[in-house]
Amino acid sequence: MSNRKSELETLRADLKARLAKYEAHQHREGGALEKDSEEQAVQTQNDEVVDSLETETRRELAQIERALERLANGRGGECERCGNEIDPRRLQVLPYTTLCVECAEQ
């Protein structure tokens, strides 16, 4: 179980670093928009992509935080919905999952 916790903590650190990069991009820490309107269009498109990536990263981070919380409470291997044990193979593939296969498919 501690191996899973370590993996989740590593994933959490990676996601937080990724979020910092996305936020830096959104705050134009690399500089203002280009003066050329075509370049501005490309940069604006990039902003939309970064927004989507940031949203997805925040969702994944929330899942990891939830899984770590459940591990700390001694319920990390138990399905959040039905209470059955989550298959260890599923936890290897998706260490942040809190649902067994059956409940996730519903």
C-alpha atoms as a PDB file:
ATOM      1  CA  MET A   1       0.000   0.000   0.000  1.00  0.00           C
ATOM      2  CA  SER A   2       2.871   2.399   0.733  1.00  0.00           C
ATOM      3  CA  ASN A   3       4.104   1.828  -2.836  1.00  0.00           C
ATOM      4  CA  ARG A   4       0.748   3.089  -4.102  1.00  0.00           C
ATOM      5  CA  LYS A   5       0.930   6.069  -1.758  1.00  0.00           C
ATOM      6  CA  SER A   6       4.398   6.893  -3.034  1.00  0.00           C
ATOM      7  CA  GLU A   7       3.217   6.621  -6.624  1.00  0.00           C
ATOM      8  CA  LEU A   8       0.238   8.886  -5.908  1.00  0.00           C
ATOM      9  CA  GLU A   9       2.473  11.444  -4.213  1.00  0.00           C
ATOM     10  CA  THR A  10       4.799  11.423  -7.224  1.00  0.00           C
ATOM     11  CA  LEU A  11       1.848  11.876  -9.576  1.00  0.00           C
ATOM     12  CA  ARG A  12       0.553  14.718  -7.401  1.00  0.00           C
ATOM     13  CA  ALA A  13       3.924  16.498  -7.522  1.00  0.00           C
ATOM     14  CA  ASP A  14       4.108  16.091 -11.304  1.00  0.00           C
ATOM     15  CA  LEU A  15       0.587  17.467 -11.755  1.00  0.00           C
ATOM     16  CA  LYS A  16       1.283  20.433  -9.490  1.00  0.00           C
ATOM     17  CA  ALA A  17       4.396  21.246 -11.531  1.00  0.00           C
ATOM     18  CA  ARG A  18       2.367  20.974 -14.721  1.00  0.00           C
ATOM     19  CA  LEU A  19      -0.291  23.301 -13.286  1.00  0.00           C
ATOM     20  CA  ALA A  20       2.372  25.865 -12.429  1.00  0.00           C
ATOM     21  CA  LYS A  21       3.500  25.849 -16.069  1.00  0.00           C
ATOM     22  CA  TYR A  22      -0.069  26.248 -17.318  1.00  0.00           C
ATOM     23  CA  GLU A  23      -0.686  29.120 -14.920  1.00  0.00           C
ATOM     24  CA  ALA A  24       2.548  30.808 -15.993  1.00  0.00           C
ATOM     25  CA  HIS A  25       1.425  30.514 -19.602  1.00  0.00           C
ATOM     26  CA  GLN A  26      -1.998  31.965 -18.818  1.00  0.00           C
ATOM     27  CA  HIS A  27      -0.469  34.891 -16.929  1.00  0.00           C
ATOM     28  CA  ARG A  28       1.820  35.614 -19.882  1.00  0.00           C
ATOM     29  CA  GLU A  29       4.953  35.248 -17.796  1.00  0.00           C
ATOM     30  CA  GLY A  30       6.792  34.554 -21.038  1.00  0.00           C
ATOM     31  CA  GLY A  31       5.733  37.927 -22.455  1.00  0.00           C
ATOM     32  CA  ALA A  32       2.717  39.689 -23.892  1.00  0.00           C
ATOM     33  CA  LEU A  33       0.887  38.725 -27.072  1.00  0.00           C
ATOM     34  CA  GLU A  34       2.756  39.284 -30.309  1.00  0.00           C
ATOM     35  CA  LYS A  35       1.904  42.433 -32.266  1.00  0.00           C
ATOM     36  CA  ASP A  36       1.295  40.428 -35.440  1.00  0.00           C
ATOM     37  CA  SER A  37      -2.405  39.486 -35.652  1.00  0.00           C
ATOM     38  CA  GLU A  38      -1.669  36.040 -37.117  1.00  0.00           C
ATOM     39  CA  GLU A  39       0.678  35.282 -34.240  1.00  0.00           C
ATOM     40  CA  GLN A  40      -1.961  36.538 -31.801  1.00  0.00           C
ATOM     41  CA  ALA A  41      -4.458  34.120 -33.324  1.00  0.00           C
ATOM     42  CA  VAL A  42      -2.046  31.223 -32.813  1.00  0.00           C
ATOM     43  CA  GLN A  43      -1.322  32.313 -29.254  1.00  0.00           C
ATOM     44  CA  THR A  44      -5.047  32.585 -28.519  1.00  0.00           C
ATOM     45  CA  GLN A  45      -5.580  29.070 -29.858  1.00  0.00           C
ATOM     46  CA  ASN A  46      -2.746  27.880 -27.630  1.00  0.00           C
ATOM     47  CA  ASP A  47      -4.486  29.535 -24.683  1.00  0.00           C
ATOM     48  CA  GLU A  48      -7.596  27.455 -25.346  1.00  0.00           C
ATOM     49  CA  VAL A  49      -5.555  24.259 -25.458  1.00  0.00           C
ATOM     50  CA  VAL A  50      -3.766  25.173 -22.234  1.00  0.00           C
ATOM     51  CA  ASP A  51      -7.132  25.938 -20.591  1.00  0.00           C
ATOM     52  CA  SER A  52      -8.350  22.444 -21.484  1.00  0.00           C
ATOM     53  CA  LEU A  53      -5.150  20.834 -20.255  1.00  0.00           C
ATOM     54  CA  GLU A  54      -5.339  22.790 -17.020  1.00  0.00           C
ATOM     55  CA  THR A  55      -8.937  21.719 -16.412  1.00  0.00           C
ATOM     56  CA  GLU A  56      -8.095  18.066 -17.009  1.00  0.00           C
ATOM     57  CA  THR A  57      -5.011  18.290 -14.796  1.00  0.00           C
ATOM     58  CA  ARG A  58      -7.072  19.796 -11.966  1.00  0.00           C
ATOM     59  CA  ARG A  59      -9.601  16.940 -12.275  1.00  0.00           C
ATOM     60  CA  GLU A  60      -6.851  14.336 -12.120  1.00  0.00           C
ATOM     61  CA  LEU A  61      -5.240  16.104  -9.163  1.00  0.00           C
ATOM     62  CA  ALA A  62      -8.567  16.060  -7.311  1.00  0.00           C
ATOM     63  CA  GLN A  63      -8.827  12.307  -7.935  1.00  0.00           C
ATOM     64  CA  ILE A  64      -5.330  11.786  -6.579  1.00  0.00           C
ATOM     65  CA  GLU A  65      -6.091  13.861  -3.484  1.00  0.00           C
ATOM     66  CA  ARG A  66      -9.238  11.793  -2.900  1.00  0.00           C
ATOM     67  CA  ALA A  67      -7.324   8.524  -3.279  1.00  0.00           C
ATOM     68  CA  LEU A  68      -4.629   9.714  -0.851  1.00  0.00           C
ATOM     69  CA  GLU A  69      -7.301  10.735   1.639  1.00  0.00           C
ATOM     70  CA  ARG A  70      -8.906   7.293   1.401  1.00  0.00           C
ATOM     71  CA  LEU A  71      -5.515   5.618   1.841  1.00  0.00           C
ATOM     72  CA  ALA A  72      -4.882   7.698   4.962  1.00  0.00           C
ATOM     73  CA  ASN A  73      -8.261   6.567   6.315  1.00  0.00           C
ATOM     74  CA  GLY A  74      -7.434   2.912   5.639  1.00  0.00           C
ATOM     75  CA  ARG A  75      -9.982   2.597   2.844  1.00  0.00           C
ATOM     76  CA  GLY A  76      -7.743   2.955  -0.209  1.00  0.00           C
ATOM     77  CA  GLY A  77      -8.410  -0.518  -1.593  1.00  0.00           C
ATOM     78  CA  GLU A  78     -12.157  -0.391  -1.008  1.00  0.00           C
ATOM     79  CA  CYS A  79     -14.655   0.741  -3.640  1.00  0.00           C
ATOM     80  CA  GLU A  80     -16.134   4.083  -2.692  1.00  0.00           C
ATOM     81  CA  ARG A  81     -19.556   3.127  -4.031  1.00  0.00           C
ATOM     82  CA  CYS A  82     -20.189  -0.551  -3.205  1.00  0.00           C
ATOM     83  CA  GLY A  83     -17.556  -1.218  -0.534  1.00  0.00           C
ATOM     84  CA  ASN A  84     -16.033  -4.234  -2.305  1.00  0.00           C
ATOM     85  CA  GLU A  85     -12.293  -4.576  -2.720  1.00  0.00           C
ATOM     86  CA  ILE A  86     -10.834  -2.900  -5.817  1.00  0.00           C
ATOM     87  CA  ASP A  87      -8.873  -5.384  -7.895  1.00  0.00           C
ATOM     88  CA  PRO A  88      -5.143  -4.769  -7.233  1.00  0.00           C
ATOM     89  CA  ARG A  89      -4.481  -4.958 -10.979  1.00  0.00           C
ATOM     90  CA  ARG A  90      -6.878  -2.044 -11.484  1.00  0.00           C
ATOM     91  CA  LEU A  91      -5.031  -0.069  -8.813  1.00  0.00           C
ATOM     92  CA  GLN A  92      -1.741  -0.742 -10.623  1.00  0.00           C
ATOM     93  CA  VAL A  93      -3.130   0.736 -13.824  1.00  0.00           C
ATOM     94  CA  LEU A  94      -5.147   3.540 -12.173  1.00  0.00           C
ATOM     95  CA  PRO A  95      -3.599   4.149  -8.758  1.00  0.00           C
ATOM     96  CA  TYR A  96      -5.956   7.076  -8.141  1.00  0.00           C
ATOM     97  CA  THR A  97      -9.163   5.145  -8.738  1.00  0.00           C
ATOM     98  CA  THR A  98     -11.666   4.879  -5.907  1.00  0.00           C
ATOM     99  CA  LEU A  99     -14.124   2.631  -7.757  1.00  0.00           C
ATOM    100  CA  CYS A 100     -14.106  -1.042  -8.665  1.00  0.00           C
ATOM    101  CA  VAL A 101     -14.574  -1.977 -12.332  1.00  0.00           C
ATOM    102  CA  GLU A 102     -18.267  -2.747 -11.908  1.00  0.00           C
ATOM    103  CA  CYS A 103     -19.068   0.596 -10.290  1.00  0.00           C
ATOM    104  CA  ALA A 104     -16.898   2.546 -12.738  1.00  0.00           C
ATOM    105  CA  GLU A 105     -18.794   1.023 -15.660  1.00  0.00           C
ATOM    106  CA  GLN A 106     -22.153   2.179 -14.289  1.00  0.00           C
END
